[in-house]
């Protein structure tokens, strides 16, 4: 009470909080009104005390639920390496506290100190088998060896692995684009025509020559066109045959 009064004397009523230091512990803020009540009658003072006791009980129960939840998720549902054993005690009957809680707890502590088997069985860990499997995984993409299922799942979600996946997809996309057949002069692909293919550009006209295109093998873009005489037309040198244009 003296500590609380000294603290309150240095602050204004509007600035009171119990979020720092020892004053955030359970038992101070619950009795704030009782400890700071001056000039009140005995009956009202007793009422403030009972209110503080009830608030203290509520805070303790709330904190106990929070602790139990933390223990379950940290040690029983999400076990990690070197998780200590957890022993359960029945605290539902307050009248049997010494028999059901105090004595068994002391026996467990004494057994652990002597490195003996405790008289109670520890609470079973949920999902311990699949979660603690130390399997060996190989990531060929990252060229790494991962030991443990949990570690493997974490690696698959890591930024490094995702970056390697994006690079691989980009590389595969570029490779497929490079191997896509390019269209030839008449709509066919260059790979289908070959490097030295000859094909007609049009039907033979009754009065004109038949044109043929021969791939030069350079890049499929250049070709030599030959005009073949229809009826034995002579070349400028007087000989018959085909002339290259």
Protein backbone atom coordinates (compact mmCIF):
# COMPACT_ATOMS: atom_id res chain seq x y z
CA UNK A 1 0.00 0.00 0.00
CA UNK A 2 2.83 2.44 0.79
CA UNK A 3 4.51 1.66 -2.54
CA UNK A 4 1.28 2.30 -4.41
CA UNK A 5 0.67 5.58 -2.59
CA UNK A 6 4.22 6.81 -3.31
CA UNK A 7 3.76 6.01 -6.97
CA UNK A 8 0.40 7.72 -7.17
CA UNK A 9 1.69 10.86 -5.44
CA UNK A 10 4.09 11.51 -8.33
CA UNK A 11 1.39 11.22 -11.00
CA UNK A 12 -1.94 12.74 -11.76
CA UNK A 13 -5.03 10.52 -11.65
CA UNK A 14 -5.39 10.70 -15.44
CA UNK A 15 -1.91 9.35 -16.08
CA UNK A 16 -2.21 6.15 -14.04
CA UNK A 17 -1.32 2.94 -15.86
CA UNK A 18 -0.02 -0.47 -14.93
CA UNK A 19 1.89 -1.35 -18.10
CA UNK A 20 5.48 -0.97 -16.88
CA UNK A 21 7.69 -2.62 -14.29
CA UNK A 22 6.37 -4.46 -11.28
CA UNK A 23 3.05 -2.63 -11.43
CA UNK A 24 1.92 -4.66 -14.45
CA UNK A 25 1.89 -7.81 -12.27
CA UNK A 26 -1.44 -9.23 -11.17
CA UNK A 27 -2.51 -7.79 -7.82
CA UNK A 28 -1.74 -4.08 -8.22
CA UNK A 29 -4.28 -2.69 -10.66
CA UNK A 30 -7.04 -4.93 -9.24
CA UNK A 31 -6.77 -3.15 -5.85
CA UNK A 32 -6.18 0.33 -7.26
CA UNK A 33 -9.47 1.77 -6.03
CA UNK A 34 -9.11 0.13 -2.62
CA UNK A 35 -5.54 1.36 -2.08
CA UNK A 36 -6.30 4.92 -3.15
CA UNK A 37 -9.62 5.33 -1.31
CA UNK A 38 -9.24 8.08 1.30
CA UNK A 39 -11.92 9.41 3.59
CA UNK A 40 -14.40 6.59 2.98
CA UNK A 41 -16.34 4.60 5.53
CA UNK A 42 -15.48 1.10 6.68
CA UNK A 43 -18.41 -0.43 4.80
CA UNK A 44 -17.44 1.14 1.48
CA UNK A 45 -13.81 0.25 2.06
CA UNK A 46 -14.77 -3.39 2.64
CA UNK A 47 -16.81 -3.34 -0.57
CA UNK A 48 -13.83 -2.02 -2.54
CA UNK A 49 -11.68 -4.77 -1.05
CA UNK A 50 -14.14 -7.48 -2.12
CA UNK A 51 -14.24 -6.01 -5.61
CA UNK A 52 -10.45 -6.15 -5.73
CA UNK A 53 -10.43 -9.80 -4.65
CA UNK A 54 -12.95 -10.73 -7.34
CA UNK A 55 -10.98 -8.83 -9.98
CA UNK A 56 -7.84 -10.65 -8.84
CA UNK A 57 -9.53 -14.04 -9.24
CA UNK A 58 -10.70 -13.16 -12.75
CA UNK A 59 -7.22 -12.02 -13.74
CA UNK A 60 -5.64 -15.21 -12.37
CA UNK A 61 -8.10 -17.44 -14.23
CA UNK A 62 -7.56 -15.49 -17.45
CA UNK A 63 -3.79 -15.77 -17.09
CA UNK A 64 -4.03 -19.50 -16.31
CA UNK A 65 -6.04 -20.12 -19.49
CA UNK A 66 -3.46 -18.21 -21.48
CA UNK A 67 -0.64 -20.25 -19.95
CA UNK A 68 -2.40 -23.56 -20.66
CA UNK A 69 -3.00 -22.55 -24.25
CA UNK A 70 0.65 -21.58 -24.68
CA UNK A 71 1.87 -24.89 -23.19
CA UNK A 72 -0.44 -26.95 -25.42
CA UNK A 73 0.57 -25.25 -28.65
CA UNK A 74 4.27 -24.89 -27.80
CA UNK A 75 4.98 -28.31 -26.32
CA UNK A 76 2.11 -30.63 -27.32
CA UNK A 77 0.76 -29.57 -30.72
CA UNK A 78 3.85 -27.95 -32.25
CA UNK A 79 6.76 -29.87 -30.74
CA UNK A 80 10.29 -28.87 -31.59
CA UNK A 81 13.71 -30.20 -30.76
CA UNK A 82 14.40 -31.16 -27.12
CA UNK A 83 10.85 -30.50 -25.93
CA UNK A 84 10.51 -31.20 -22.17
CA UNK A 85 7.93 -33.64 -20.88
CA UNK A 86 4.65 -32.14 -19.68
CA UNK A 87 2.77 -33.66 -16.73
CA UNK A 88 -0.91 -32.97 -16.21
CA UNK A 89 -2.47 -32.37 -12.77
CA UNK A 90 -6.14 -32.23 -11.81
CA UNK A 91 -6.93 -28.86 -10.22
CA UNK A 92 -10.71 -28.91 -10.55
CA UNK A 93 -11.37 -29.75 -6.88
CA UNK A 94 -9.84 -27.03 -4.72
CA UNK A 95 -10.60 -28.94 -1.52
CA UNK A 96 -8.23 -31.71 -2.64
CA UNK A 97 -5.43 -29.39 -3.77
CA UNK A 98 -2.72 -30.95 -1.62
CA UNK A 99 -3.67 -34.49 -2.62
CA UNK A 100 -4.22 -33.92 -6.36
CA UNK A 101 -1.76 -31.11 -7.10
CA UNK A 102 0.92 -30.40 -4.52
CA UNK A 103 1.98 -33.95 -3.61
CA UNK A 104 2.11 -35.31 -7.20
CA UNK A 105 4.00 -32.23 -8.39
CA UNK A 106 6.63 -32.61 -5.66
CA UNK A 107 7.01 -36.30 -6.50
CA UNK A 108 7.61 -35.52 -10.18
CA UNK A 109 10.21 -32.87 -9.34
CA UNK A 110 12.01 -35.19 -6.94
CA UNK A 111 12.10 -37.98 -9.52
CA UNK A 112 13.50 -35.68 -12.19
CA UNK A 113 16.19 -34.41 -9.82
CA UNK A 114 17.25 -38.00 -9.08
CA UNK A 115 17.07 -38.94 -12.77
CA UNK A 116 14.36 -41.51 -12.01
CA UNK A 117 11.11 -42.38 -13.73
CA UNK A 118 8.32 -40.07 -12.43
CA UNK A 119 5.24 -41.73 -10.92
CA UNK A 120 3.02 -39.94 -13.44
CA UNK A 121 2.91 -40.49 -17.18
CA UNK A 122 3.61 -37.37 -19.27
CA UNK A 123 0.93 -35.95 -21.52
CA UNK A 124 1.13 -37.46 -25.01
CA UNK A 125 2.42 -35.17 -27.74
CA UNK A 126 -0.07 -34.72 -30.55
CA UNK A 127 1.32 -35.47 -33.99
CA UNK A 128 4.83 -36.16 -32.74
CA UNK A 129 5.46 -38.99 -35.23
CA UNK A 130 4.90 -37.14 -38.52
CA UNK A 131 6.26 -33.82 -37.29
CA UNK A 132 9.56 -35.11 -35.92
CA UNK A 133 10.52 -37.36 -38.83
CA UNK A 134 14.11 -36.59 -39.78
CA UNK A 135 13.71 -37.50 -43.43
CA UNK A 136 16.34 -36.66 -46.01
CA UNK A 137 15.22 -34.42 -48.86
CA UNK A 138 17.23 -33.32 -51.90
CA UNK A 139 16.41 -30.07 -53.68
CA UNK A 140 17.95 -30.44 -57.13
CA UNK A 141 16.85 -26.94 -58.03
CA UNK A 142 18.86 -25.32 -55.22
CA UNK A 143 21.45 -28.11 -55.00
CA UNK A 144 20.84 -28.57 -51.27
CA UNK A 145 20.21 -31.49 -48.91
CA UNK A 146 17.51 -30.81 -46.31
CA UNK A 147 17.09 -32.98 -43.20
CA UNK A 148 13.66 -33.02 -41.56
CA UNK A 149 10.10 -32.65 -42.84
CA UNK A 150 9.52 -29.31 -41.14
CA UNK A 151 12.79 -27.94 -42.49
CA UNK A 152 11.88 -29.19 -45.98
CA UNK A 153 8.51 -27.42 -45.90
CA UNK A 154 10.21 -24.24 -44.73
CA UNK A 155 12.76 -24.50 -47.55
CA UNK A 156 10.04 -24.87 -50.21
CA UNK A 157 8.51 -21.61 -48.98
CA UNK A 158 11.83 -19.75 -48.71
CA UNK A 159 12.69 -16.77 -50.91
CA UNK A 160 15.77 -18.53 -52.25
CA UNK A 161 13.82 -21.55 -53.50
CA UNK A 162 11.08 -19.40 -55.03
CA UNK A 163 13.72 -17.32 -56.82
CA UNK A 164 15.27 -20.46 -58.34
CA UNK A 165 11.81 -21.61 -59.48
CA UNK A 166 11.17 -18.31 -61.28
CA UNK A 167 14.57 -18.47 -63.00
CA UNK A 168 13.90 -22.03 -64.15
CA UNK A 169 10.48 -21.15 -65.59
CA UNK A 170 11.97 -18.18 -67.40
CA UNK A 171 14.78 -20.33 -68.83
CA UNK A 172 12.34 -23.01 -70.02
CA UNK A 173 10.13 -20.38 -71.64
CA UNK A 174 13.12 -18.92 -73.53
CA UNK A 175 14.25 -22.39 -74.69
CA UNK A 176 10.80 -23.27 -76.04
CA UNK A 177 10.66 -19.97 -77.90
CA UNK A 178 14.06 -20.61 -79.54
CA UNK A 179 12.98 -24.07 -80.76
CA UNK A 180 9.68 -22.91 -82.26
CA UNK A 181 9.78 -23.65 -86.10
CA UNK A 182 9.89 -20.47 -88.18
CA UNK A 183 7.56 -20.27 -91.22
CA UNK A 184 9.06 -20.83 -94.64
CA UNK A 185 8.48 -18.74 -97.79
CA UNK A 186 5.26 -20.64 -98.61
CA UNK A 187 3.93 -21.06 -95.14
CA UNK A 188 5.79 -24.28 -94.32
CA UNK A 189 8.43 -24.39 -91.64
CA UNK A 190 12.09 -24.16 -92.44
CA UNK A 191 12.75 -27.45 -90.66
CA UNK A 192 10.24 -29.20 -92.95
CA UNK A 193 11.75 -27.77 -96.14
CA UNK A 194 15.38 -28.52 -95.36
CA UNK A 195 18.46 -26.49 -96.12
CA UNK A 196 18.47 -27.13 -99.90
CA UNK A 197 14.85 -27.61 -100.92
CA UNK A 198 13.33 -26.65 -104.27
CA UNK A 199 9.61 -26.04 -104.64
CA UNK A 200 7.40 -24.32 -107.23
CA UNK A 201 6.23 -20.79 -106.69
CA UNK A 202 3.35 -21.10 -109.12
CA UNK A 203 1.80 -23.25 -111.79
CA UNK A 204 3.35 -23.37 -115.25
CA UNK A 205 1.77 -20.76 -117.45
CA UNK A 206 1.03 -21.71 -121.02
CA UNK A 207 3.11 -18.85 -122.40
CA UNK A 208 5.58 -18.26 -119.56
CA UNK A 209 8.24 -20.07 -117.60
CA UNK A 210 7.76 -22.07 -114.43
CA UNK A 211 9.36 -20.39 -111.42
CA UNK A 212 11.11 -22.33 -108.72
CA UNK A 213 12.68 -21.12 -105.46
CA UNK A 214 15.70 -22.85 -103.98
CA UNK A 215 16.68 -22.22 -100.40
CA UNK A 216 20.26 -21.06 -100.13
CA UNK A 217 20.65 -22.53 -96.62
CA UNK A 218 21.70 -19.19 -95.12
CA UNK A 219 18.75 -18.28 -92.95
CA UNK A 220 15.77 -19.23 -95.05
CA UNK A 221 15.33 -15.64 -96.17
CA UNK A 222 17.33 -15.62 -99.41
CA UNK A 223 16.69 -17.77 -102.46
CA UNK A 224 17.69 -18.03 -106.11
CA UNK A 225 14.92 -18.07 -108.70
CA UNK A 226 15.37 -19.99 -111.91
CA UNK A 227 13.23 -19.56 -114.98
CA UNK A 228 12.91 -22.67 -117.04
CA UNK A 229 12.05 -22.28 -120.70
CA UNK A 230 8.71 -23.80 -121.60
CA UNK A 231 9.38 -24.79 -125.19
CA UNK A 232 13.16 -24.98 -125.48
CA UNK A 233 13.80 -21.24 -125.54
CA UNK A 234 17.42 -20.41 -126.15
CA UNK A 235 19.70 -18.54 -123.80
CA UNK A 236 21.49 -15.39 -124.96
CA UNK A 237 24.50 -17.54 -125.91
CA UNK A 238 22.36 -19.56 -128.28
CA UNK A 239 22.02 -22.66 -126.14
CA UNK A 240 18.79 -23.96 -124.74
CA UNK A 241 18.09 -24.53 -121.06
CA UNK A 242 17.30 -22.63 -117.91
CA UNK A 243 18.78 -19.32 -116.96
CA UNK A 244 19.28 -18.00 -113.44
CA UNK A 245 17.86 -14.60 -112.61
